[in-house]
Amino acid sequence: MLLLLLYLMRDTCITYLMVVRLPSDVQSFEEKIKYQNDYMESIKKMEESWSKNQKNLAAERLALGVENGLDITVNRRRCTLLCCSEC
């Protein structure tokens, strides 16, 4: 991108015409904004997927009850024993 600057010096009556090449800062800024938006969208999709996964895991979990101070829960993938605070 080229930017033309016209500079007038009043005291000396000299006119400068400068051609300045901008190092595509505008384009790189627009690309950064695009990549940031894409990144935020992908993070949002991952959070939604994670939330759905957590809800599914909670729905699959079946509480078997408390026995001798141990809270026993089972889901389809694994069995966990959670020790209570009294131990």
PDB file of N, CA and C in Angstrom:
ATOM      1  N   MET A   1       0.855  -1.157   0.000  1.00  0.00           N
ATOM      2  CA  MET A   1       0.000   0.000   0.000  1.00  0.00           C
ATOM      3  C   MET A   1       0.905   1.225   0.000  1.00  0.00           C
ATOM      4  N   LEU A   2       0.588   2.170  -0.847  1.00  0.00           N
ATOM      5  CA  LEU A   2       1.375   3.390  -0.932  1.00  0.00           C
ATOM      6  C   LEU A   2       0.582   4.549  -0.374  1.00  0.00           C
ATOM      7  N   LEU A   3       1.292   5.417   0.298  1.00  0.00           N
ATOM      8  CA  LEU A   3       0.667   6.596   0.868  1.00  0.00           C
ATOM      9  C   LEU A   3       1.447   7.801   0.381  1.00  0.00           C
ATOM     10  N   LEU A   4       0.747   8.731  -0.223  1.00  0.00           N
ATOM     11  CA  LEU A   4       1.389   9.941  -0.715  1.00  0.00           C
ATOM     12  C   LEU A   4       1.201  11.048   0.307  1.00  0.00           C
ATOM     13  N   LEU A   5       2.297  11.688   0.660  1.00  0.00           N
ATOM     14  CA  LEU A   5       2.249  12.790   1.605  1.00  0.00           C
ATOM     15  C   LEU A   5       2.761  14.050   0.926  1.00  0.00           C
ATOM     16  N   LEU A   6       2.038  15.094   1.114  1.00  0.00           N
ATOM     17  CA  LEU A   6       2.445  16.385   0.587  1.00  0.00           C
ATOM     18  C   LEU A   6       2.753  17.276   1.774  1.00  0.00           C
ATOM     19  N   TYR A   7       3.972  17.754   1.853  1.00  0.00           N
ATOM     20  CA  TYR A   7       4.402  18.536   2.990  1.00  0.00           C
ATOM     21  C   TYR A   7       4.834  19.913   2.497  1.00  0.00           C
ATOM     22  N   LEU A   8       4.250  20.936   3.033  1.00  0.00           N
ATOM     23  CA  LEU A   8       4.590  22.303   2.658  1.00  0.00           C
ATOM     24  C   LEU A   8       5.306  22.973   3.818  1.00  0.00           C
ATOM     25  N   MET A   9       6.460  23.501   3.530  1.00  0.00           N
ATOM     26  CA  MET A   9       7.164  24.279   4.543  1.00  0.00           C
ATOM     27  C   MET A   9       6.886  25.744   4.262  1.00  0.00           C
ATOM     28  N   ARG A  10       6.262  26.392   5.185  1.00  0.00           N
ATOM     29  CA  ARG A  10       5.836  27.782   4.971  1.00  0.00           C
ATOM     30  C   ARG A  10       7.014  28.753   4.971  1.00  0.00           C
ATOM     31  N   ASP A  11       7.970  28.498   5.821  1.00  0.00           N
ATOM     32  CA  ASP A  11       9.059  29.464   5.945  1.00  0.00           C
ATOM     33  C   ASP A  11       9.968  29.480   4.720  1.00  0.00           C
ATOM     34  N   THR A  12      10.208  28.347   4.129  1.00  0.00           N
ATOM     35  CA  THR A  12      11.160  28.284   3.026  1.00  0.00           C
ATOM     36  C   THR A  12      10.494  28.151   1.663  1.00  0.00           C
ATOM     37  N   CYS A  13       9.167  28.007   1.652  1.00  0.00           N
ATOM     38  CA  CYS A  13       8.428  27.863   0.398  1.00  0.00           C
ATOM     39  C   CYS A  13       8.879  26.630  -0.386  1.00  0.00           C
ATOM     40  N   ILE A  14       9.222  25.587   0.328  1.00  0.00           N
ATOM     41  CA  ILE A  14       9.629  24.341  -0.311  1.00  0.00           C
ATOM     42  C   ILE A  14       8.501  23.340  -0.137  1.00  0.00           C
ATOM     43  N   THR A  15       8.217  22.646  -1.209  1.00  0.00           N
ATOM     44  CA  THR A  15       7.179  21.630  -1.175  1.00  0.00           C
ATOM     45  C   THR A  15       7.843  20.264  -1.300  1.00  0.00           C
ATOM     46  N   TYR A  16       7.487  19.373  -0.403  1.00  0.00           N
ATOM     47  CA  TYR A  16       7.994  18.004  -0.439  1.00  0.00           C
ATOM     48  C   TYR A  16       6.856  17.076  -0.825  1.00  0.00           C
ATOM     49  N   LEU A  17       7.161  16.215  -1.710  1.00  0.00           N
ATOM     50  CA  LEU A  17       6.228  15.152  -2.040  1.00  0.00           C
ATOM     51  C   LEU A  17       6.899  13.841  -1.650  1.00  0.00           C
ATOM     52  N   MET A  18       6.305  13.174  -0.707  1.00  0.00           N
ATOM     53  CA  MET A  18       6.894  11.941  -0.206  1.00  0.00           C
ATOM     54  C   MET A  18       5.998  10.769  -0.564  1.00  0.00           C
ATOM     55  N   VAL A  19       6.609   9.733  -1.038  1.00  0.00           N
ATOM     56  CA  VAL A  19       5.903   8.487  -1.285  1.00  0.00           C
ATOM     57  C   VAL A  19       6.387   7.505  -0.228  1.00  0.00           C
ATOM     58  N   VAL A  20       5.463   7.081   0.582  1.00  0.00           N
ATOM     59  CA  VAL A  20       5.805   6.188   1.676  1.00  0.00           C
ATOM     60  C   VAL A  20       5.130   4.849   1.430  1.00  0.00           C
ATOM     61  N   ARG A  21       5.909   3.803   1.524  1.00  0.00           N
ATOM     62  CA  ARG A  21       5.347   2.456   1.381  1.00  0.00           C
ATOM     63  C   ARG A  21       5.049   1.917   2.770  1.00  0.00           C
ATOM     64  N   LEU A  22       3.775   1.672   3.001  1.00  0.00           N
ATOM     65  CA  LEU A  22       3.377   1.078   4.263  1.00  0.00           C
ATOM     66  C   LEU A  22       3.554  -0.426   4.157  1.00  0.00           C
ATOM     67  N   PRO A  23       4.205  -1.031   5.116  1.00  0.00           N
ATOM     68  CA  PRO A  23       4.512  -2.467   5.011  1.00  0.00           C
ATOM     69  C   PRO A  23       3.307  -3.357   5.278  1.00  0.00           C
ATOM     70  N   SER A  24       2.303  -3.154   4.512  1.00  0.00           N
ATOM     71  CA  SER A  24       1.069  -3.954   4.573  1.00  0.00           C
ATOM     72  C   SER A  24       0.557  -4.145   5.996  1.00  0.00           C
ATOM     73  N   ASP A  25       0.708  -3.104   6.815  1.00  0.00           N
ATOM     74  CA  ASP A  25       0.215  -3.169   8.190  1.00  0.00           C
ATOM     75  C   ASP A  25      -1.292  -3.309   8.227  1.00  0.00           C
ATOM     76  N   VAL A  26      -1.951  -2.656   7.297  1.00  0.00           N
ATOM     77  CA  VAL A  26      -3.407  -2.729   7.272  1.00  0.00           C
ATOM     78  C   VAL A  26      -3.846  -4.154   6.960  1.00  0.00           C
ATOM     79  N   GLN A  27      -3.194  -4.772   6.001  1.00  0.00           N
ATOM     80  CA  GLN A  27      -3.542  -6.147   5.643  1.00  0.00           C
ATOM     81  C   GLN A  27      -3.230  -7.106   6.777  1.00  0.00           C
ATOM     82  N   SER A  28      -2.063  -6.943   7.400  1.00  0.00           N
ATOM     83  CA  SER A  28      -1.717  -7.847   8.497  1.00  0.00           C
ATOM     84  C   SER A  28      -2.653  -7.640   9.680  1.00  0.00           C
ATOM     85  N   PHE A  29      -3.085  -6.403   9.908  1.00  0.00           N
ATOM     86  CA  PHE A  29      -4.047  -6.141  10.981  1.00  0.00           C
ATOM     87  C   PHE A  29      -5.372  -6.836  10.693  1.00  0.00           C
ATOM     88  N   GLU A  30      -5.839  -6.741   9.457  1.00  0.00           N
ATOM     89  CA  GLU A  30      -7.087  -7.412   9.078  1.00  0.00           C
ATOM     90  C   GLU A  30      -6.948  -8.925   9.196  1.00  0.00           C
ATOM     91  N   GLU A  31      -5.786  -9.463   8.830  1.00  0.00           N
ATOM     92  CA  GLU A  31      -5.557 -10.900   8.973  1.00  0.00           C
ATOM     93  C   GLU A  31      -5.546 -11.309  10.438  1.00  0.00           C
ATOM     94  N   LYS A  32      -4.936 -10.490  11.289  1.00  0.00           N
ATOM     95  CA  LYS A  32      -4.919 -10.789  12.722  1.00  0.00           C
ATOM     96  C   LYS A  32      -6.332 -10.824  13.280  1.00  0.00           C
ATOM     97  N   ILE A  33      -7.150  -9.861  12.878  1.00  0.00           N
ATOM     98  CA  ILE A  33      -8.541  -9.827  13.337  1.00  0.00           C
ATOM     99  C   ILE A  33      -9.273 -11.078  12.865  1.00  0.00           C
ATOM    100  N   LYS A  34      -9.051 -11.466  11.609  1.00  0.00           N
ATOM    101  CA  LYS A  34      -9.695 -12.668  11.069  1.00  0.00           C
ATOM    102  C   LYS A  34      -9.270 -13.906  11.848  1.00  0.00           C
ATOM    103  N   TYR A  35      -7.961 -14.046  12.091  1.00  0.00           N
ATOM    104  CA  TYR A  35      -7.465 -15.212  12.827  1.00  0.00           C
ATOM    105  C   TYR A  35      -7.967 -15.221  14.266  1.00  0.00           C
ATOM    106  N   GLN A  36      -8.054 -14.048  14.882  1.00  0.00           N
ATOM    107  CA  GLN A  36      -8.579 -13.976  16.247  1.00  0.00           C
ATOM    108  C   GLN A  36     -10.040 -14.396  16.285  1.00  0.00           C
ATOM    109  N   ASN A  37     -10.816 -13.951  15.312  1.00  0.00           N
ATOM    110  CA  ASN A  37     -12.226 -14.356  15.255  1.00  0.00           C
ATOM    111  C   ASN A  37     -12.356 -15.856  15.033  1.00  0.00           C
ATOM    112  N   ASP A  38     -11.542 -16.408  14.136  1.00  0.00           N
ATOM    113  CA  ASP A  38     -11.558 -17.860  13.910  1.00  0.00           C
ATOM    114  C   ASP A  38     -11.175 -18.614  15.179  1.00  0.00           C
ATOM    115  N   TYR A  39     -10.173 -18.108  15.884  1.00  0.00           N
ATOM    116  CA  TYR A  39      -9.731 -18.737  17.130  1.00  0.00           C
ATOM    117  C   TYR A  39     -10.842 -18.717  18.173  1.00  0.00           C
ATOM    118  N   MET A  40     -11.507 -17.574  18.319  1.00  0.00           N
ATOM    119  CA  MET A  40     -12.585 -17.463  19.303  1.00  0.00           C
ATOM    120  C   MET A  40     -13.742 -18.394  18.951  1.00  0.00           C
ATOM    121  N   GLU A  41     -14.050 -18.529  17.667  1.00  0.00           N
ATOM    122  CA  GLU A  41     -15.112 -19.446  17.249  1.00  0.00           C
ATOM    123  C   GLU A  41     -14.740 -20.893  17.560  1.00  0.00           C
ATOM    124  N   SER A  42     -13.489 -21.268  17.305  1.00  0.00           N
ATOM    125  CA  SER A  42     -13.080 -22.646  17.588  1.00  0.00           C
ATOM    126  C   SER A  42     -13.089 -22.919  19.089  1.00  0.00           C
ATOM    127  N   ILE A  43     -12.694 -21.943  19.901  1.00  0.00           N
ATOM    128  CA  ILE A  43     -12.746 -22.106  21.359  1.00  0.00           C
ATOM    129  C   ILE A  43     -14.188 -22.260  21.812  1.00  0.00           C
ATOM    130  N   LYS A  44     -15.076 -21.474  21.238  1.00  0.00           N
ATOM    131  CA  LYS A  44     -16.493 -21.560  21.600  1.00  0.00           C
ATOM    132  C   LYS A  44     -17.058 -22.942  21.263  1.00  0.00           C
ATOM    133  N   LYS A  45     -16.699 -23.479  20.090  1.00  0.00           N
ATOM    134  CA  LYS A  45     -17.160 -24.816  19.700  1.00  0.00           C
ATOM    135  C   LYS A  45     -16.606 -25.882  20.638  1.00  0.00           C
ATOM    136  N   MET A  46     -15.329 -25.746  21.023  1.00  0.00           N
ATOM    137  CA  MET A  46     -14.738 -26.712  21.946  1.00  0.00           C
ATOM    138  C   MET A  46     -15.425 -26.667  23.308  1.00  0.00           C
ATOM    139  N   GLU A  47     -15.754 -25.461  23.793  1.00  0.00           N
ATOM    140  CA  GLU A  47     -16.447 -25.342  25.076  1.00  0.00           C
ATOM    141  C   GLU A  47     -17.830 -25.974  25.013  1.00  0.00           C
ATOM    142  N   GLU A  48     -18.542 -25.763  23.909  1.00  0.00           N
ATOM    143  CA  GLU A  48     -19.863 -26.373  23.758  1.00  0.00           C
ATOM    144  C   GLU A  48     -19.754 -27.893  23.723  1.00  0.00           C
ATOM    145  N   SER A  49     -18.764 -28.404  23.008  1.00  0.00           N
ATOM    146  CA  SER A  49     -18.555 -29.847  22.942  1.00  0.00           C
ATOM    147  C   SER A  49     -18.202 -30.403  24.318  1.00  0.00           C
ATOM    148  N   TRP A  50     -17.332 -29.720  25.034  1.00  0.00           N
ATOM    149  CA  TRP A  50     -16.946 -30.152  26.374  1.00  0.00           C
ATOM    150  C   TRP A  50     -18.147 -30.155  27.306  1.00  0.00           C
ATOM    151  N   SER A  51     -18.981 -29.107  27.219  1.00  0.00           N
ATOM    152  CA  SER A  51     -20.170 -29.009  28.066  1.00  0.00           C
ATOM    153  C   SER A  51     -21.129 -30.166  27.795  1.00  0.00           C
ATOM    154  N   LYS A  52     -21.351 -30.472  26.512  1.00  0.00           N
ATOM    155  CA  LYS A  52     -22.223 -31.598  26.163  1.00  0.00           C
ATOM    156  C   LYS A  52     -21.649 -32.908  26.684  1.00  0.00           C
ATOM    157  N   ASN A  53     -20.340 -33.077  26.555  1.00  0.00           N
ATOM    158  CA  ASN A  53     -19.683 -34.288  27.025  1.00  0.00           C
ATOM    159  C   ASN A  53     -19.839 -34.431  28.539  1.00  0.00           C
ATOM    160  N   GLN A  54     -19.678 -33.346  29.276  1.00  0.00           N
ATOM    161  CA  GLN A  54     -19.821 -33.389  30.730  1.00  0.00           C
ATOM    162  C   GLN A  54     -21.249 -33.732  31.132  1.00  0.00           C
ATOM    163  N   LYS A  55     -22.215 -33.187  30.413  1.00  0.00           N
ATOM    164  CA  LYS A  55     -23.618 -33.507  30.709  1.00  0.00           C
ATOM    165  C   LYS A  55     -23.899 -34.982  30.444  1.00  0.00           C
ATOM    166  N   ASN A  56     -23.345 -35.503  29.346  1.00  0.00           N
ATOM    167  CA  ASN A  56     -23.537 -36.924  29.033  1.00  0.00           C
ATOM    168  C   ASN A  56     -22.899 -37.814  30.089  1.00  0.00           C
ATOM    169  N   LEU A  57     -21.707 -37.440  30.548  1.00  0.00           N
ATOM    170  CA  LEU A  57     -21.046 -38.233  31.583  1.00  0.00           C
ATOM    171  C   LEU A  57     -21.842 -38.218  32.883  1.00  0.00           C
ATOM    172  N   ALA A  58     -22.384 -37.073  33.241  1.00  0.00           N
ATOM    173  CA  ALA A  58     -23.172 -36.978  34.470  1.00  0.00           C
ATOM    174  C   ALA A  58     -24.458 -37.784  34.347  1.00  0.00           C
ATOM    175  N   ALA A  59     -25.056 -37.808  33.160  1.00  0.00           N
ATOM    176  CA  ALA A  59     -26.294 -38.560  32.962  1.00  0.00           C
ATOM    177  C   ALA A  59     -26.037 -40.064  33.008  1.00  0.00           C
ATOM    178  N   GLU A  60     -24.845 -40.502  32.580  1.00  0.00           N
ATOM    179  CA  GLU A  60     -24.519 -41.924  32.574  1.00  0.00           C
ATOM    180  C   GLU A  60     -24.166 -42.453  33.964  1.00  0.00           C
ATOM    181  N   ARG A  61     -23.787 -41.561  34.848  1.00  0.00           N
ATOM    182  CA  ARG A  61     -23.303 -41.981  36.157  1.00  0.00           C
ATOM    183  C   ARG A  61     -24.457 -42.472  37.030  1.00  0.00           C
ATOM    184  N   LEU A  62     -24.258 -43.540  37.717  1.00  0.00           N
ATOM    185  CA  LEU A  62     -25.277 -44.153  38.562  1.00  0.00           C
ATOM    186  C   LEU A  62     -24.703 -44.279  39.965  1.00  0.00           C
ATOM    187  N   ALA A  63     -25.372 -43.681  40.915  1.00  0.00           N
ATOM    188  CA  ALA A  63     -24.905 -43.760  42.301  1.00  0.00           C
ATOM    189  C   ALA A  63     -25.379 -45.059  42.919  1.00  0.00           C
ATOM    190  N   LEU A  64     -24.451 -45.797  43.482  1.00  0.00           N
ATOM    191  CA  LEU A  64     -24.787 -47.057  44.136  1.00  0.00           C
ATOM    192  C   LEU A  64     -25.009 -46.869  45.631  1.00  0.00           C
ATOM    193  N   GLY A  65     -24.587 -45.750  46.156  1.00  0.00           N
ATOM    194  CA  GLY A  65     -24.837 -45.468  47.561  1.00  0.00           C
ATOM    195  C   GLY A  65     -23.569 -45.376  48.371  1.00  0.00           C
ATOM    196  N   VAL A  66     -23.761 -45.108  49.653  1.00  0.00           N
ATOM    197  CA  VAL A  66     -22.643 -44.964  50.568  1.00  0.00           C
ATOM    198  C   VAL A  66     -22.546 -46.222  51.415  1.00  0.00           C
ATOM    199  N   GLU A  67     -21.360 -46.800  51.434  1.00  0.00           N
ATOM    200  CA  GLU A  67     -21.153 -48.009  52.215  1.00  0.00           C
ATOM    201  C   GLU A  67     -19.826 -47.877  52.959  1.00  0.00           C
ATOM    202  N   ASN A  68     -19.863 -47.932  54.265  1.00  0.00           N
ATOM    203  CA  ASN A  68     -18.674 -47.814  55.115  1.00  0.00           C
ATOM    204  C   ASN A  68     -17.874 -46.547  54.821  1.00  0.00           C
ATOM    205  N   GLY A  69     -18.566 -45.445  54.621  1.00  0.00           N
ATOM    206  CA  GLY A  69     -17.894 -44.174  54.383  1.00  0.00           C
ATOM    207  C   GLY A  69     -17.386 -43.975  52.974  1.00  0.00           C
ATOM    208  N   LEU A  70     -17.642 -44.880  52.075  1.00  0.00           N
ATOM    209  CA  LEU A  70     -17.199 -44.742  50.693  1.00  0.00           C
ATOM    210  C   LEU A  70     -18.389 -44.468  49.794  1.00  0.00           C
ATOM    211  N   ASP A  71     -18.265 -43.448  48.993  1.00  0.00           N
ATOM    212  CA  ASP A  71     -19.304 -43.124  48.010  1.00  0.00           C
ATOM    213  C   ASP A  71     -18.933 -43.839  46.717  1.00  0.00           C
ATOM    214  N   ILE A  72     -19.753 -44.770  46.295  1.00  0.00           N
ATOM    215  CA  ILE A  72     -19.446 -45.587  45.121  1.00  0.00           C
ATOM    216  C   ILE A  72     -20.344 -45.152  43.971  1.00  0.00           C
ATOM    217  N   THR A  73     -19.719 -44.746  42.875  1.00  0.00           N
ATOM    218  CA  THR A  73     -20.469 -44.392  41.670  1.00  0.00           C
ATOM    219  C   THR A  73     -19.931 -45.201  40.505  1.00  0.00           C
ATOM    220  N   VAL A  74     -20.801 -45.480  39.572  1.00  0.00           N
ATOM    221  CA  VAL A  74     -20.429 -46.292  38.414  1.00  0.00           C
ATOM    222  C   VAL A  74     -20.959 -45.612  37.164  1.00  0.00           C
ATOM    223  N   ASN A  75     -20.154 -45.571  36.128  1.00  0.00           N
ATOM    224  CA  ASN A  75     -20.688 -45.235  34.819  1.00  0.00           C
ATOM    225  C   ASN A  75     -20.255 -46.326  33.861  1.00  0.00           C
ATOM    226  N   ARG A  76     -20.606 -46.200  32.624  1.00  0.00           N
ATOM    227  CA  ARG A  76     -20.371 -47.284  31.665  1.00  0.00           C
ATOM    228  C   ARG A  76     -18.887 -47.540  31.427  1.00  0.00           C
ATOM    229  N   ARG A  77     -18.067 -46.563  31.639  1.00  0.00           N
ATOM    230  CA  ARG A  77     -16.658 -46.712  31.303  1.00  0.00           C
ATOM    231  C   ARG A  77     -15.801 -47.165  32.476  1.00  0.00           C
ATOM    232  N   ARG A  78     -16.134 -46.716  33.699  1.00  0.00           N
ATOM    233  CA  ARG A  78     -15.261 -47.043  34.815  1.00  0.00           C
ATOM    234  C   ARG A  78     -16.039 -47.010  36.124  1.00  0.00           C
ATOM    235  N   CYS A  79     -15.479 -47.573  37.113  1.00  0.00           N
ATOM    236  CA  CYS A  79     -16.047 -47.564  38.448  1.00  0.00           C
ATOM    237  C   CYS A  79     -15.105 -46.751  39.329  1.00  0.00           C
ATOM    238  N   THR A  80     -15.636 -45.803  40.079  1.00  0.00           N
ATOM    239  CA  THR A  80     -14.795 -44.983  40.939  1.00  0.00           C
ATOM    240  C   THR A  80     -15.246 -45.099  42.375  1.00  0.00           C
ATOM    241  N   LEU A  81     -14.293 -45.070  43.254  1.00  0.00           N
ATOM    242  CA  LEU A  81     -14.566 -45.035  44.684  1.00  0.00           C
ATOM    243  C   LEU A  81     -14.078 -43.694  45.203  1.00  0.00           C
ATOM    244  N   LEU A  82     -14.975 -42.933  45.794  1.00  0.00           N
ATOM    245  CA  LEU A  82     -14.613 -41.637  46.333  1.00  0.00           C
ATOM    246  C   LEU A  82     -14.678 -41.709  47.839  1.00  0.00           C
ATOM    247  N   CYS A  83     -13.615 -41.394  48.473  1.00  0.00           N
ATOM    248  CA  CYS A  83     -13.560 -41.456  49.925  1.00  0.00           C
ATOM    249  C   CYS A  83     -14.191 -40.192  50.495  1.00  0.00           C
ATOM    250  N   CYS A  84     -14.960 -40.360  51.548  1.00  0.00           N
ATOM    251  CA  CYS A  84     -15.608 -39.206  52.164  1.00  0.00           C
ATOM    252  C   CYS A  84     -14.613 -38.483  53.060  1.00  0.00           C
ATOM    253  N   SER A  85     -15.007 -37.332  53.599  1.00  0.00           N
ATOM    254  CA  SER A  85     -14.108 -36.514  54.404  1.00  0.00           C
ATOM    255  C   SER A  85     -13.873 -37.100  55.792  1.00  0.00           C
ATOM    256  N   GLU A  86     -14.632 -38.096  56.203  1.00  0.00           N
ATOM    257  CA  GLU A  86     -14.486 -38.673  57.535  1.00  0.00           C
ATOM    258  C   GLU A  86     -13.295 -39.625  57.630  1.00  0.00           C
ATOM    259  N   CYS A  87     -12.765 -40.069  56.516  1.00  0.00           N
ATOM    260  CA  CYS A  87     -11.674 -41.056  56.525  1.00  0.00           C
ATOM    261  C   CYS A  87     -10.369 -40.445  56.978  1.00  0.00           C
TER     262      CYS A  87
END
